[in-house]
Amino acid sequence: SGLLGGGKEGSVALARAKAAVPPAVEEWTKY
């Protein structure tokens, strides 16, 4: 996922996580 790479790869991975986590949490709470 790019967490062990450089700073740019880490910020891209953080942006992906910020975009993916809220919908997943919403789905789990409904489930």
Full PDB file with SEQRES, HELIX, SHEET, SSBOND, CRYST1, ORIGX, SCALE, CONECT and MASTER records, all heavy atoms in Angstrom:
SEQRES   1 A   31  SER GLY LEU LEU GLY GLY GLY LYS GLU GLY SER VAL ALA          
SEQRES   2 A   31  LEU ALA ARG ALA LYS ALA ALA VAL PRO PRO ALA VAL GLU          
SEQRES   3 A   31  GLU TRP THR LYS TYR                                          
HELIX    1 AA1 GLY A    7  LYS A   30  1                                  24    
CRYST1    1.000    1.000    1.000  90.00  90.00  90.00 P 1           1          
ORIGX1      1.000000  0.000000  0.000000        0.00000                         
ORIGX2      0.000000  1.000000  0.000000        0.00000                         
ORIGX3      0.000000  0.000000  1.000000        0.00000                         
SCALE1      1.000000  0.000000  0.000000        0.00000                         
SCALE2      0.000000  1.000000  0.000000        0.00000                         
SCALE3      0.000000  0.000000  1.000000        0.00000                         
ATOM      1  N   SER A   1       0.811  -1.216   0.000  1.00  0.00           N  
ATOM      2  CA  SER A   1       0.000   0.000   0.000  1.00  0.00           C  
ATOM      3  C   SER A   1       0.844   1.265   0.000  1.00  0.00           C  
ATOM      4  O   SER A   1       0.317   2.368  -0.086  1.00  0.00           O  
ATOM      5  CB  SER A   1      -0.935   0.003   1.207  1.00  0.00           C  
ATOM      6  OG  SER A   1      -0.183   0.048   2.400  1.00  0.00           O  
ATOM      7  N   GLY A   2       2.169   1.139   0.089  1.00  0.00           N  
ATOM      8  CA  GLY A   2       3.036   2.303   0.004  1.00  0.00           C  
ATOM      9  C   GLY A   2       3.408   2.912   1.329  1.00  0.00           C  
ATOM     10  O   GLY A   2       4.013   3.982   1.364  1.00  0.00           O  
ATOM     11  N   LEU A   3       3.082   2.258   2.426  1.00  0.00           N  
ATOM     12  CA  LEU A   3       3.394   2.833   3.737  1.00  0.00           C  
ATOM     13  C   LEU A   3       4.875   2.774   4.068  1.00  0.00           C  
ATOM     14  O   LEU A   3       5.358   3.554   4.885  1.00  0.00           O  
ATOM     15  CB  LEU A   3       2.603   2.111   4.830  1.00  0.00           C  
ATOM     16  CG  LEU A   3       1.095   2.324   4.788  1.00  0.00           C  
ATOM     17  CD1 LEU A   3       0.431   1.482   5.854  1.00  0.00           C  
ATOM     18  CD2 LEU A   3       0.758   3.784   4.979  1.00  0.00           C  
ATOM     19  N   LEU A   4       5.604   1.864   3.459  1.00  0.00           N  
ATOM     20  CA  LEU A   4       7.027   1.737   3.755  1.00  0.00           C  
ATOM     21  C   LEU A   4       7.888   2.478   2.740  1.00  0.00           C  
ATOM     22  O   LEU A   4       9.110   2.391   2.767  1.00  0.00           O  
ATOM     23  CB  LEU A   4       7.423   0.256   3.790  1.00  0.00           C  
ATOM     24  CG  LEU A   4       6.684  -0.597   4.813  1.00  0.00           C  
ATOM     25  CD1 LEU A   4       7.146  -2.037   4.730  1.00  0.00           C  
ATOM     26  CD2 LEU A   4       6.892  -0.063   6.210  1.00  0.00           C  
ATOM     27  N   GLY A   5       7.265   3.225   1.856  1.00  0.00           N  
ATOM     28  CA  GLY A   5       8.001   3.973   0.849  1.00  0.00           C  
ATOM     29  C   GLY A   5       8.377   5.351   1.341  1.00  0.00           C  
ATOM     30  O   GLY A   5       8.478   5.610   2.544  1.00  0.00           O  
ATOM     31  N   GLY A   6       8.570   6.269   0.422  1.00  0.00           N  
ATOM     32  CA  GLY A   6       8.950   7.635   0.758  1.00  0.00           C  
ATOM     33  C   GLY A   6       7.762   8.449   1.248  1.00  0.00           C  
ATOM     34  O   GLY A   6       6.648   7.946   1.435  1.00  0.00           O  
ATOM     35  N   GLY A   7       8.006   9.732   1.453  1.00  0.00           N  
ATOM     36  CA  GLY A   7       6.971  10.622   1.964  1.00  0.00           C  
ATOM     37  C   GLY A   7       5.803  10.808   1.015  1.00  0.00           C  
ATOM     38  O   GLY A   7       4.649  10.864   1.432  1.00  0.00           O  
ATOM     39  N   LYS A   8       6.104  10.892  -0.277  1.00  0.00           N  
ATOM     40  CA  LYS A   8       5.026  11.072  -1.258  1.00  0.00           C  
ATOM     41  C   LYS A   8       4.138   9.837  -1.321  1.00  0.00           C  
ATOM     42  O   LYS A   8       2.913   9.954  -1.378  1.00  0.00           O  
ATOM     43  CB  LYS A   8       5.613  11.370  -2.634  1.00  0.00           C  
ATOM     44  CG  LYS A   8       6.271  12.725  -2.717  1.00  0.00           C  
ATOM     45  CD  LYS A   8       6.830  12.987  -4.088  1.00  0.00           C  
ATOM     46  CE  LYS A   8       7.535  14.330  -4.115  1.00  0.00           C  
ATOM     47  NZ  LYS A   8       8.138  14.605  -5.413  1.00  0.00           N  
ATOM     48  N   GLU A   9       4.765   8.657  -1.301  1.00  0.00           N  
ATOM     49  CA  GLU A   9       3.969   7.423  -1.323  1.00  0.00           C  
ATOM     50  C   GLU A   9       3.138   7.292  -0.052  1.00  0.00           C  
ATOM     51  O   GLU A   9       2.006   6.823  -0.090  1.00  0.00           O  
ATOM     52  CB  GLU A   9       4.883   6.210  -1.464  1.00  0.00           C  
ATOM     53  CG  GLU A   9       5.575   6.118  -2.800  1.00  0.00           C  
ATOM     54  CD  GLU A   9       6.587   4.998  -2.849  1.00  0.00           C  
ATOM     55  OE1 GLU A   9       6.913   4.442  -1.787  1.00  0.00           O  
ATOM     56  OE2 GLU A   9       7.053   4.693  -3.948  1.00  0.00           O  
ATOM     57  N   GLY A  10       3.707   7.726   1.076  1.00  0.00           N  
ATOM     58  CA  GLY A  10       2.970   7.675   2.338  1.00  0.00           C  
ATOM     59  C   GLY A  10       1.779   8.593   2.343  1.00  0.00           C  
ATOM     60  O   GLY A  10       0.703   8.245   2.834  1.00  0.00           O  
ATOM     61  N   SER A  11       1.930   9.807   1.770  1.00  0.00           N  
ATOM     62  CA  SER A  11       0.779  10.713   1.750  1.00  0.00           C  
ATOM     63  C   SER A  11      -0.293  10.239   0.785  1.00  0.00           C  
ATOM     64  O   SER A  11      -1.478  10.437   1.035  1.00  0.00           O  
ATOM     65  CB  SER A  11       1.182  12.145   1.443  1.00  0.00           C  
ATOM     66  OG  SER A  11       2.160  12.263   0.533  1.00  0.00           O  
ATOM     67  N   VAL A  12       0.100   9.572  -0.288  1.00  0.00           N  
ATOM     68  CA  VAL A  12      -0.893   8.991  -1.198  1.00  0.00           C  
ATOM     69  C   VAL A  12      -1.653   7.876  -0.484  1.00  0.00           C  
ATOM     70  O   VAL A  12      -2.887   7.776  -0.584  1.00  0.00           O  
ATOM     71  CB  VAL A  12      -0.217   8.477  -2.493  1.00  0.00           C  
ATOM     72  CG1 VAL A  12      -1.168   7.626  -3.301  1.00  0.00           C  
ATOM     73  CG2 VAL A  12       0.300   9.631  -3.309  1.00  0.00           C  
ATOM     74  N   ALA A  13      -0.924   7.039   0.266  1.00  0.00           N  
ATOM     75  CA  ALA A  13      -1.571   5.951   1.009  1.00  0.00           C  
ATOM     76  C   ALA A  13      -2.506   6.516   2.075  1.00  0.00           C  
ATOM     77  O   ALA A  13      -3.598   5.987   2.305  1.00  0.00           O  
ATOM     78  CB  ALA A  13      -0.518   5.053   1.648  1.00  0.00           C  
ATOM     79  N   LEU A  14      -2.102   7.596   2.741  1.00  0.00           N  
ATOM     80  CA  LEU A  14      -2.962   8.221   3.748  1.00  0.00           C  
ATOM     81  C   LEU A  14      -4.232   8.780   3.113  1.00  0.00           C  
ATOM     82  O   LEU A  14      -5.319   8.631   3.671  1.00  0.00           O  
ATOM     83  CB  LEU A  14      -2.206   9.326   4.482  1.00  0.00           C  
ATOM     84  CG  LEU A  14      -2.974  10.070   5.551  1.00  0.00           C  
ATOM     85  CD1 LEU A  14      -3.386   9.120   6.677  1.00  0.00           C  
ATOM     86  CD2 LEU A  14      -2.137  11.208   6.116  1.00  0.00           C  
ATOM     87  N   ALA A  15      -4.104   9.389   1.942  1.00  0.00           N  
ATOM     88  CA  ALA A  15      -5.288   9.910   1.247  1.00  0.00           C  
ATOM     89  C   ALA A  15      -6.235   8.781   0.857  1.00  0.00           C  
ATOM     90  O   ALA A  15      -7.456   8.909   0.995  1.00  0.00           O  
ATOM     91  CB  ALA A  15      -4.864  10.703   0.014  1.00  0.00           C  
ATOM     92  N   ARG A  16      -5.676   7.653   0.403  1.00  0.00           N  
ATOM     93  CA  ARG A  16      -6.520   6.502   0.073  1.00  0.00           C  
ATOM     94  C   ARG A  16      -7.227   5.964   1.303  1.00  0.00           C  
ATOM     95  O   ARG A  16      -8.402   5.592   1.254  1.00  0.00           O  
ATOM     96  CB  ARG A  16      -5.687   5.393  -0.564  1.00  0.00           C  
ATOM     97  CG  ARG A  16      -5.393   5.633  -2.023  1.00  0.00           C  
ATOM     98  CD  ARG A  16      -4.725   4.446  -2.612  1.00  0.00           C  
ATOM     99  NE  ARG A  16      -3.424   4.319  -1.919  1.00  0.00           N  
ATOM    100  CZ  ARG A  16      -2.499   3.439  -2.208  1.00  0.00           C  
ATOM    101  NH1 ARG A  16      -2.702   2.557  -3.133  1.00  0.00           N  
ATOM    102  NH2 ARG A  16      -1.358   3.420  -1.561  1.00  0.00           N  
ATOM    103  N   ALA A  17      -6.520   5.929   2.430  1.00  0.00           N  
ATOM    104  CA  ALA A  17      -7.131   5.429   3.668  1.00  0.00           C  
ATOM    105  C   ALA A  17      -8.231   6.365   4.137  1.00  0.00           C  
ATOM    106  O   ALA A  17      -9.293   5.920   4.587  1.00  0.00           O  
ATOM    107  CB  ALA A  17      -6.069   5.270   4.753  1.00  0.00           C  
ATOM    108  N   LYS A  18      -7.999   7.672   4.044  1.00  0.00           N  
ATOM    109  CA  LYS A  18      -9.027   8.638   4.447  1.00  0.00           C  
ATOM    110  C   LYS A  18     -10.273   8.515   3.585  1.00  0.00           C  
ATOM    111  O   LYS A  18     -11.384   8.728   4.057  1.00  0.00           O  
ATOM    112  CB  LYS A  18      -8.481  10.072   4.356  1.00  0.00           C  
ATOM    113  CG  LYS A  18      -7.586  10.457   5.489  1.00  0.00           C  
ATOM    114  CD  LYS A  18      -7.162  11.914   5.350  1.00  0.00           C  
ATOM    115  CE  LYS A  18      -6.284  12.347   6.488  1.00  0.00           C  
ATOM    116  NZ  LYS A  18      -5.845  13.747   6.344  1.00  0.00           N  
ATOM    117  N   ALA A  19     -10.088   8.156   2.327  1.00  0.00           N  
ATOM    118  CA  ALA A  19     -11.236   8.005   1.438  1.00  0.00           C  
ATOM    119  C   ALA A  19     -11.950   6.673   1.649  1.00  0.00           C  
ATOM    120  O   ALA A  19     -13.161   6.585   1.450  1.00  0.00           O  
ATOM    121  CB  ALA A  19     -10.778   8.119  -0.015  1.00  0.00           C  
ATOM    122  N   ALA A  20     -11.229   5.637   2.074  1.00  0.00           N  
ATOM    123  CA  ALA A  20     -11.816   4.301   2.161  1.00  0.00           C  
ATOM    124  C   ALA A  20     -12.418   3.983   3.523  1.00  0.00           C  
ATOM    125  O   ALA A  20     -13.366   3.208   3.611  1.00  0.00           O  
ATOM    126  CB  ALA A  20     -10.760   3.253   1.818  1.00  0.00           C  
ATOM    127  N   VAL A  21     -11.893   4.541   4.588  1.00  0.00           N  
ATOM    128  CA  VAL A  21     -12.325   4.148   5.926  1.00  0.00           C  
ATOM    129  C   VAL A  21     -13.762   4.572   6.248  1.00  0.00           C  
ATOM    130  O   VAL A  21     -14.542   3.744   6.721  1.00  0.00           O  
ATOM    131  CB  VAL A  21     -11.321   4.651   6.988  1.00  0.00           C  
ATOM    132  CG1 VAL A  21     -11.872   4.511   8.383  1.00  0.00           C  
ATOM    133  CG2 VAL A  21     -10.016   3.883   6.859  1.00  0.00           C  
ATOM    134  N   PRO A  22     -14.182   5.816   6.017  1.00  0.00           N  
ATOM    135  CA  PRO A  22     -15.557   6.181   6.394  1.00  0.00           C  
ATOM    136  C   PRO A  22     -16.644   5.336   5.727  1.00  0.00           C  
ATOM    137  O   PRO A  22     -17.576   4.906   6.415  1.00  0.00           O  
ATOM    138  CB  PRO A  22     -15.661   7.657   6.012  1.00  0.00           C  
ATOM    139  CG  PRO A  22     -14.267   8.163   6.087  1.00  0.00           C  
ATOM    140  CD  PRO A  22     -13.416   7.008   5.630  1.00  0.00           C  
ATOM    141  N   PRO A  23     -16.579   5.045   4.416  1.00  0.00           N  
ATOM    142  CA  PRO A  23     -17.614   4.177   3.846  1.00  0.00           C  
ATOM    143  C   PRO A  23     -17.598   2.773   4.443  1.00  0.00           C  
ATOM    144  O   PRO A  23     -18.656   2.171   4.652  1.00  0.00           O  
ATOM    145  CB  PRO A  23     -17.281   4.135   2.354  1.00  0.00           C  
ATOM    146  CG  PRO A  23     -16.456   5.328   2.088  1.00  0.00           C  
ATOM    147  CD  PRO A  23     -15.718   5.598   3.351  1.00  0.00           C  
ATOM    148  N   ALA A  24     -16.411   2.258   4.741  1.00  0.00           N  
ATOM    149  CA  ALA A  24     -16.327   0.915   5.324  1.00  0.00           C  
ATOM    150  C   ALA A  24     -16.930   0.897   6.723  1.00  0.00           C  
ATOM    151  O   ALA A  24     -17.660  -0.034   7.083  1.00  0.00           O  
ATOM    152  CB  ALA A  24     -14.869   0.461   5.369  1.00  0.00           C  
ATOM    153  N   VAL A  25     -16.660   1.912   7.519  1.00  0.00           N  
ATOM    154  CA  VAL A  25     -17.220   1.983   8.871  1.00  0.00           C  
ATOM    155  C   VAL A  25     -18.735   2.108   8.804  1.00  0.00           C  
ATOM    156  O   VAL A  25     -19.464   1.473   9.577  1.00  0.00           O  
ATOM    157  CB  VAL A  25     -16.592   3.160   9.662  1.00  0.00           C  
ATOM    158  CG1 VAL A  25     -17.332   3.404  10.957  1.00  0.00           C  
ATOM    159  CG2 VAL A  25     -15.124   2.888   9.930  1.00  0.00           C  
ATOM    160  N   GLU A  26     -19.232   2.908   7.860  1.00  0.00           N  
ATOM    161  CA  GLU A  26     -20.687   3.055   7.700  1.00  0.00           C  
ATOM    162  C   GLU A  26     -21.329   1.720   7.323  1.00  0.00           C  
ATOM    163  O   GLU A  26     -22.375   1.351   7.857  1.00  0.00           O  
ATOM    164  CB  GLU A  26     -20.979   4.107   6.630  1.00  0.00           C  
ATOM    165  CG  GLU A  26     -22.444   4.380   6.443  1.00  0.00           C  
ATOM    166  CD  GLU A  26     -22.686   5.445   5.386  1.00  0.00           C  
ATOM    167  OE1 GLU A  26     -21.819   6.307   5.188  1.00  0.00           O  
ATOM    168  OE2 GLU A  26     -23.756   5.389   4.762  1.00  0.00           O  
ATOM    169  N   GLU A  27     -20.679   0.987   6.440  1.00  0.00           N  
ATOM    170  CA  GLU A  27     -21.207  -0.316   6.037  1.00  0.00           C  
ATOM    171  C   GLU A  27     -21.218  -1.292   7.214  1.00  0.00           C  
ATOM    172  O   GLU A  27     -22.182  -2.039   7.409  1.00  0.00           O  
ATOM    173  CB  GLU A  27     -20.357  -0.878   4.897  1.00  0.00           C  
ATOM    174  CG  GLU A  27     -20.831  -2.204   4.373  1.00  0.00           C  
ATOM    175  CD  GLU A  27     -19.952  -2.713   3.247  1.00  0.00           C  
ATOM    176  OE1 GLU A  27     -19.358  -1.894   2.519  1.00  0.00           O  
ATOM    177  OE2 GLU A  27     -19.856  -3.943   3.107  1.00  0.00           O  
ATOM    178  N   TRP A  28     -20.165  -1.284   8.004  1.00  0.00           N  
ATOM    179  CA  TRP A  28     -20.096  -2.185   9.157  1.00  0.00           C  
ATOM    180  C   TRP A  28     -21.150  -1.837  10.200  1.00  0.00           C  
ATOM    181  O   TRP A  28     -21.739  -2.717  10.808  1.00  0.00           O  
ATOM    182  CB  TRP A  28     -18.722  -2.141   9.799  1.00  0.00           C  
ATOM    183  CG  TRP A  28     -17.635  -2.747   8.962  1.00  0.00           C  
ATOM    184  CD1 TRP A  28     -17.779  -3.647   7.942  1.00  0.00           C  
ATOM    185  CD2 TRP A  28     -16.250  -2.491   9.068  1.00  0.00           C  
ATOM    186  NE1 TRP A  28     -16.565  -3.967   7.396  1.00  0.00           N  
ATOM    187  CE2 TRP A  28     -15.596  -3.267   8.079  1.00  0.00           C  
ATOM    188  CE3 TRP A  28     -15.477  -1.681   9.876  1.00  0.00           C  
ATOM    189  CZ2 TRP A  28     -14.225  -3.249   7.913  1.00  0.00           C  
ATOM    190  CZ3 TRP A  28     -14.111  -1.675   9.709  1.00  0.00           C  
ATOM    191  CH2 TRP A  28     -13.503  -2.449   8.736  1.00  0.00           C  
ATOM    192  N   THR A  29     -21.377  -0.534  10.434  1.00  0.00           N  
ATOM    193  CA  THR A  29     -22.389  -0.157  11.432  1.00  0.00           C  
ATOM    194  C   THR A  29     -23.778  -0.580  10.978  1.00  0.00           C  
ATOM    195  O   THR A  29     -24.599  -0.987  11.800  1.00  0.00           O  
ATOM    196  CB  THR A  29     -22.358   1.353  11.706  1.00  0.00           C  
ATOM    197  OG1 THR A  29     -22.533   2.068  10.488  1.00  0.00           O  
ATOM    198  CG2 THR A  29     -21.073   1.767  12.377  1.00  0.00           C  
ATOM    199  N   LYS A  30     -24.050  -0.498   9.678  1.00  0.00           N  
ATOM    200  CA  LYS A  30     -25.342  -0.970   9.177  1.00  0.00           C  
ATOM    201  C   LYS A  30     -25.465  -2.489   9.322  1.00  0.00           C  
ATOM    202  O   LYS A  30     -26.516  -3.003   9.676  1.00  0.00           O  
ATOM    203  CB  LYS A  30     -25.522  -0.572   7.713  1.00  0.00           C  
ATOM    204  CG  LYS A  30     -25.788   0.894   7.514  1.00  0.00           C  
ATOM    205  CD  LYS A  30     -25.944   1.215   6.041  1.00  0.00           C  
ATOM    206  CE  LYS A  30     -26.139   2.695   5.821  1.00  0.00           C  
ATOM    207  NZ  LYS A  30     -26.205   3.024   4.387  1.00  0.00           N  
ATOM    208  N   TYR A  31     -24.366  -3.175   9.061  1.00  0.00           N  
ATOM    209  CA  TYR A  31     -24.383  -4.631   9.139  1.00  0.00           C  
ATOM    210  C   TYR A  31     -24.592  -5.108  10.572  1.00  0.00           C  
ATOM    211  O   TYR A  31     -25.379  -6.010  10.828  1.00  0.00           O  
ATOM    212  CB  TYR A  31     -23.084  -5.199   8.572  1.00  0.00           C  
ATOM    213  CG  TYR A  31     -22.995  -6.696   8.637  1.00  0.00           C  
ATOM    214  CD1 TYR A  31     -23.696  -7.492   7.737  1.00  0.00           C  
ATOM    215  CD2 TYR A  31     -22.221  -7.321   9.606  1.00  0.00           C  
ATOM    216  CE1 TYR A  31     -23.623  -8.874   7.794  1.00  0.00           C  
ATOM    217  CE2 TYR A  31     -22.139  -8.701   9.674  1.00  0.00           C  
ATOM    218  CZ  TYR A  31     -22.847  -9.474   8.761  1.00  0.00           C  
ATOM    219  OH  TYR A  31     -22.769 -10.836   8.828  1.00  0.00           O  
TER     220      TYR A  31                                                      
MASTER        0    0    0    1    0    0    0    6  219    1    0    3          
END                                                                             
